[in-house]
Amino acid sequence: MLAERPITADADERRRLKLIEQVFSRSRARLVGADGTAIEIPEPLYEVLVEAAKALRQGKAVAIVPTSHELTTQQAADILNVSRPHLIRLLERSEIPFSMVGTHRRIRFEDVVLYRSKRSAMRRKILEDLTPEAQDLGIYED
């Protein structure tokens, strides 16, 4: 289920998150229950906590979404930072898989993330290809 609203941290909470990040960087964290029972946090949850703490400390909002979660076209467009009409064109050109639920398109979260990764890699490649040309023309220096 997609979180109703992303989670954010205020300035005081961000200061405390910095301390938590420091603890995470020194050793594996454990949860301690009210009765004093301690258990080491499993690796997958530990990684989620580390990434969430880092993002929140940087002032970013965080939401936890299962990768199999299906998004509306507006949610997918928001994640990709594109307009909904542009996203619809991507779907119609089969650049991102989707399914129909009644008359509504649904896009798997993992497909949106995969598309975003491919798009970023393509942009990096284009920039890498253009850099030598820009250097030759004298419009870009390292």
C-alpha atoms as a PDB file:
ATOM      1  CA  MET A   1       0.000   0.000   0.000  1.00  0.00           C
ATOM      2  CA  LEU A   2       1.314   3.470  -0.879  1.00  0.00           C
ATOM      3  CA  ALA A   3       1.672   5.701   2.153  1.00  0.00           C
ATOM      4  CA  GLU A   4      -1.151   8.224   2.487  1.00  0.00           C
ATOM      5  CA  ARG A   5       1.442  10.953   2.845  1.00  0.00           C
ATOM      6  CA  PRO A   6       5.221  10.977   2.759  1.00  0.00           C
ATOM      7  CA  ILE A   7       7.011  11.176   6.098  1.00  0.00           C
ATOM      8  CA  THR A   8       9.085  14.286   6.828  1.00  0.00           C
ATOM      9  CA  ALA A   9      11.284  15.457   9.704  1.00  0.00           C
ATOM     10  CA  ASP A  10      11.429  18.924  11.247  1.00  0.00           C
ATOM     11  CA  ALA A  11      14.729  20.673  12.091  1.00  0.00           C
ATOM     12  CA  ASP A  12      14.980  19.196  15.610  1.00  0.00           C
ATOM     13  CA  GLU A  13      14.253  15.689  14.336  1.00  0.00           C
ATOM     14  CA  ARG A  14      16.899  16.129  11.600  1.00  0.00           C
ATOM     15  CA  ARG A  15      19.513  16.927  14.281  1.00  0.00           C
ATOM     16  CA  ARG A  16      18.594  13.718  16.121  1.00  0.00           C
ATOM     17  CA  LEU A  17      18.675  11.782  12.846  1.00  0.00           C
ATOM     18  CA  LYS A  18      22.278  12.886  12.375  1.00  0.00           C
ATOM     19  CA  LEU A  19      23.119  11.167  15.671  1.00  0.00           C
ATOM     20  CA  ILE A  20      21.227   8.060  14.552  1.00  0.00           C
ATOM     21  CA  GLU A  21      23.183   7.997  11.280  1.00  0.00           C
ATOM     22  CA  GLN A  22      26.419   8.165  13.270  1.00  0.00           C
ATOM     23  CA  VAL A  23      25.328   5.210  15.400  1.00  0.00           C
ATOM     24  CA  PHE A  24      24.367   3.266  12.267  1.00  0.00           C
ATOM     25  CA  SER A  25      27.795   3.939  10.733  1.00  0.00           C
ATOM     26  CA  ARG A  26      29.666   2.581  13.772  1.00  0.00           C
ATOM     27  CA  SER A  27      27.856  -0.669  14.378  1.00  0.00           C
ATOM     28  CA  ARG A  28      24.797  -2.769  13.712  1.00  0.00           C
ATOM     29  CA  ALA A  29      21.739  -1.483  15.520  1.00  0.00           C
ATOM     30  CA  ARG A  30      19.494  -3.502  17.791  1.00  0.00           C
ATOM     31  CA  LEU A  31      15.911  -3.014  18.826  1.00  0.00           C
ATOM     32  CA  VAL A  32      15.213  -3.114  22.538  1.00  0.00           C
ATOM     33  CA  GLY A  33      11.679  -3.850  23.674  1.00  0.00           C
ATOM     34  CA  ALA A  34       9.948  -2.351  26.701  1.00  0.00           C
ATOM     35  CA  ASP A  35      10.819  -5.513  28.663  1.00  0.00           C
ATOM     36  CA  GLY A  36      14.533  -5.119  27.831  1.00  0.00           C
ATOM     37  CA  THR A  37      14.596  -7.878  25.208  1.00  0.00           C
ATOM     38  CA  ALA A  38      17.095  -6.944  22.489  1.00  0.00           C
ATOM     39  CA  ILE A  39      17.219  -8.258  18.944  1.00  0.00           C
ATOM     40  CA  GLU A  40      19.604  -7.384  16.119  1.00  0.00           C
ATOM     41  CA  ILE A  41      17.840  -5.678  13.224  1.00  0.00           C
ATOM     42  CA  PRO A  42      17.816  -7.938  10.121  1.00  0.00           C
ATOM     43  CA  GLU A  43      19.971  -6.656   7.235  1.00  0.00           C
ATOM     44  CA  PRO A  44      17.097  -5.679   4.867  1.00  0.00           C
ATOM     45  CA  LEU A  45      15.355  -3.617   7.554  1.00  0.00           C
ATOM     46  CA  TYR A  46      18.688  -2.137   8.647  1.00  0.00           C
ATOM     47  CA  GLU A  47      19.343  -0.927   5.074  1.00  0.00           C
ATOM     48  CA  VAL A  48      15.864   0.642   4.899  1.00  0.00           C
ATOM     49  CA  LEU A  49      16.416   2.438   8.208  1.00  0.00           C
ATOM     50  CA  VAL A  50      19.842   3.745   7.160  1.00  0.00           C
ATOM     51  CA  GLU A  51      18.506   5.103   3.850  1.00  0.00           C
ATOM     52  CA  ALA A  52      15.381   6.562   5.475  1.00  0.00           C
ATOM     53  CA  ALA A  53      17.425   8.288   8.194  1.00  0.00           C
ATOM     54  CA  LYS A  54      19.781   9.768   5.585  1.00  0.00           C
ATOM     55  CA  ALA A  55      16.946  11.060   3.407  1.00  0.00           C
ATOM     56  CA  LEU A  56      14.997  12.511   6.335  1.00  0.00           C
ATOM     57  CA  ARG A  57      18.127  14.218   7.692  1.00  0.00           C
ATOM     58  CA  GLN A  58      18.639  15.829   4.282  1.00  0.00           C
ATOM     59  CA  GLY A  59      15.122  17.261   4.490  1.00  0.00           C
ATOM     60  CA  LYS A  60      13.645  14.838   1.964  1.00  0.00           C
ATOM     61  CA  ALA A  61      10.261  13.197   2.401  1.00  0.00           C
ATOM     62  CA  VAL A  62      10.188   9.405   2.652  1.00  0.00           C
ATOM     63  CA  ALA A  63       7.502   6.892   1.720  1.00  0.00           C
ATOM     64  CA  ILE A  64       7.759   3.121   1.843  1.00  0.00           C
ATOM     65  CA  VAL A  65       6.249   1.401  -1.168  1.00  0.00           C
ATOM     66  CA  PRO A  66       6.353  -2.340  -1.883  1.00  0.00           C
ATOM     67  CA  THR A  67       7.908  -2.856  -5.315  1.00  0.00           C
ATOM     68  CA  SER A  68       4.852  -4.799  -6.480  1.00  0.00           C
ATOM     69  CA  HIS A  69       2.543  -1.898  -5.631  1.00  0.00           C
ATOM     70  CA  GLU A  70       0.509  -0.559  -8.539  1.00  0.00           C
ATOM     71  CA  LEU A  71       0.404   3.179  -9.089  1.00  0.00           C
ATOM     72  CA  THR A  72      -2.110   5.448 -10.736  1.00  0.00           C
ATOM     73  CA  THR A  73      -0.907   7.393 -13.757  1.00  0.00           C
ATOM     74  CA  GLN A  74      -0.685  10.557 -11.631  1.00  0.00           C
ATOM     75  CA  GLN A  75       1.411   8.832  -8.955  1.00  0.00           C
ATOM     76  CA  ALA A  76       3.764   7.425 -11.602  1.00  0.00           C
ATOM     77  CA  ALA A  77       4.016  10.830 -13.304  1.00  0.00           C
ATOM     78  CA  ASP A  78       4.871  12.443  -9.959  1.00  0.00           C
ATOM     79  CA  ILE A  79       7.635   9.900  -9.298  1.00  0.00           C
ATOM     80  CA  LEU A  80       9.102  10.516 -12.757  1.00  0.00           C
ATOM     81  CA  ASN A  81       8.612  14.274 -12.435  1.00  0.00           C
ATOM     82  CA  VAL A  82       6.733  14.420 -15.741  1.00  0.00           C
ATOM     83  CA  SER A  83       3.228  15.510 -16.647  1.00  0.00           C
ATOM     84  CA  ARG A  84       0.449  12.949 -16.654  1.00  0.00           C
ATOM     85  CA  PRO A  85      -0.144  13.436 -20.424  1.00  0.00           C
ATOM     86  CA  HIS A  86       3.563  12.770 -21.071  1.00  0.00           C
ATOM     87  CA  LEU A  87       3.377   9.605 -18.958  1.00  0.00           C
ATOM     88  CA  ILE A  88       0.321   8.448 -20.939  1.00  0.00           C
ATOM     89  CA  ARG A  89       2.343   8.877 -24.163  1.00  0.00           C
ATOM     90  CA  LEU A  90       5.160   6.761 -22.653  1.00  0.00           C
ATOM     91  CA  LEU A  91       2.623   4.053 -21.809  1.00  0.00           C
ATOM     92  CA  GLU A  92       1.045   4.171 -25.257  1.00  0.00           C
ATOM     93  CA  ARG A  93       4.510   3.829 -26.869  1.00  0.00           C
ATOM     94  CA  SER A  94       5.106   0.759 -24.619  1.00  0.00           C
ATOM     95  CA  GLU A  95       8.094   2.405 -22.937  1.00  0.00           C
ATOM     96  CA  ILE A  96       6.626   1.479 -19.546  1.00  0.00           C
ATOM     97  CA  PRO A  97       4.420  -1.587 -19.080  1.00  0.00           C
ATOM     98  CA  PHE A  98       0.976  -1.115 -17.568  1.00  0.00           C
ATOM     99  CA  SER A  99      -2.255  -2.966 -17.011  1.00  0.00           C
ATOM    100  CA  MET A 100      -5.857  -1.897 -17.175  1.00  0.00           C
ATOM    101  CA  VAL A 101      -8.127  -2.074 -14.143  1.00  0.00           C
ATOM    102  CA  GLY A 102     -11.518  -1.353 -15.590  1.00  0.00           C
ATOM    103  CA  THR A 103     -10.936   1.866 -17.524  1.00  0.00           C
ATOM    104  CA  HIS A 104      -7.909   2.929 -15.471  1.00  0.00           C
ATOM    105  CA  ARG A 105      -4.234   2.334 -16.240  1.00  0.00           C
ATOM    106  CA  ARG A 106      -2.094   0.933 -13.436  1.00  0.00           C
ATOM    107  CA  ILE A 107       1.703   0.881 -13.461  1.00  0.00           C
ATOM    108  CA  ARG A 108       3.836  -1.286 -11.207  1.00  0.00           C
ATOM    109  CA  PHE A 109       6.139   0.737  -8.971  1.00  0.00           C
ATOM    110  CA  GLU A 110       9.124  -1.407  -9.942  1.00  0.00           C
ATOM    111  CA  ASP A 111       8.486  -0.670 -13.646  1.00  0.00           C
ATOM    112  CA  VAL A 112       8.471   3.071 -12.939  1.00  0.00           C
ATOM    113  CA  VAL A 113      11.755   2.787 -11.020  1.00  0.00           C
ATOM    114  CA  LEU A 114      13.300   0.677 -13.800  1.00  0.00           C
ATOM    115  CA  TYR A 115      12.260   3.239 -16.439  1.00  0.00           C
ATOM    116  CA  ARG A 116      13.681   6.064 -14.300  1.00  0.00           C
ATOM    117  CA  SER A 117      17.008   4.209 -13.962  1.00  0.00           C
ATOM    118  CA  LYS A 118      17.210   3.557 -17.706  1.00  0.00           C
ATOM    119  CA  ARG A 119      16.345   7.194 -18.437  1.00  0.00           C
ATOM    120  CA  SER A 120      19.080   8.394 -16.065  1.00  0.00           C
ATOM    121  CA  ALA A 121      21.644   6.039 -17.600  1.00  0.00           C
ATOM    122  CA  MET A 122      20.716   7.241 -21.093  1.00  0.00           C
ATOM    123  CA  ARG A 123      21.087  10.885 -20.028  1.00  0.00           C
ATOM    124  CA  ARG A 124      24.503  10.179 -18.471  1.00  0.00           C
ATOM    125  CA  LYS A 125      25.631   8.464 -21.685  1.00  0.00           C
ATOM    126  CA  ILE A 126      24.510  11.409 -23.806  1.00  0.00           C
ATOM    127  CA  LEU A 127      26.378  13.834 -21.540  1.00  0.00           C
ATOM    128  CA  GLU A 128      29.498  11.663 -21.663  1.00  0.00           C
ATOM    129  CA  ASP A 129      29.288  11.604 -25.464  1.00  0.00           C
ATOM    130  CA  LEU A 130      28.780  15.379 -25.702  1.00  0.00           C
ATOM    131  CA  THR A 131      31.534  16.379 -23.263  1.00  0.00           C
ATOM    132  CA  PRO A 132      34.506  15.734 -25.614  1.00  0.00           C
ATOM    133  CA  GLU A 133      32.734  17.623 -28.401  1.00  0.00           C
ATOM    134  CA  ALA A 134      32.054  20.572 -26.067  1.00  0.00           C
ATOM    135  CA  GLN A 135      35.705  20.519 -24.949  1.00  0.00           C
ATOM    136  CA  ASP A 136      36.882  20.543 -28.576  1.00  0.00           C
ATOM    137  CA  LEU A 137      34.666  23.560 -29.239  1.00  0.00           C
ATOM    138  CA  GLY A 138      36.006  25.302 -26.131  1.00  0.00           C
ATOM    139  CA  ILE A 139      32.596  25.628 -24.480  1.00  0.00           C
ATOM    140  CA  TYR A 140      33.339  23.196 -21.660  1.00  0.00           C
ATOM    141  CA  GLU A 141      36.421  22.727 -19.515  1.00  0.00           C
ATOM    142  CA  ASP A 142      37.048  20.062 -16.853  1.00  0.00           C
END
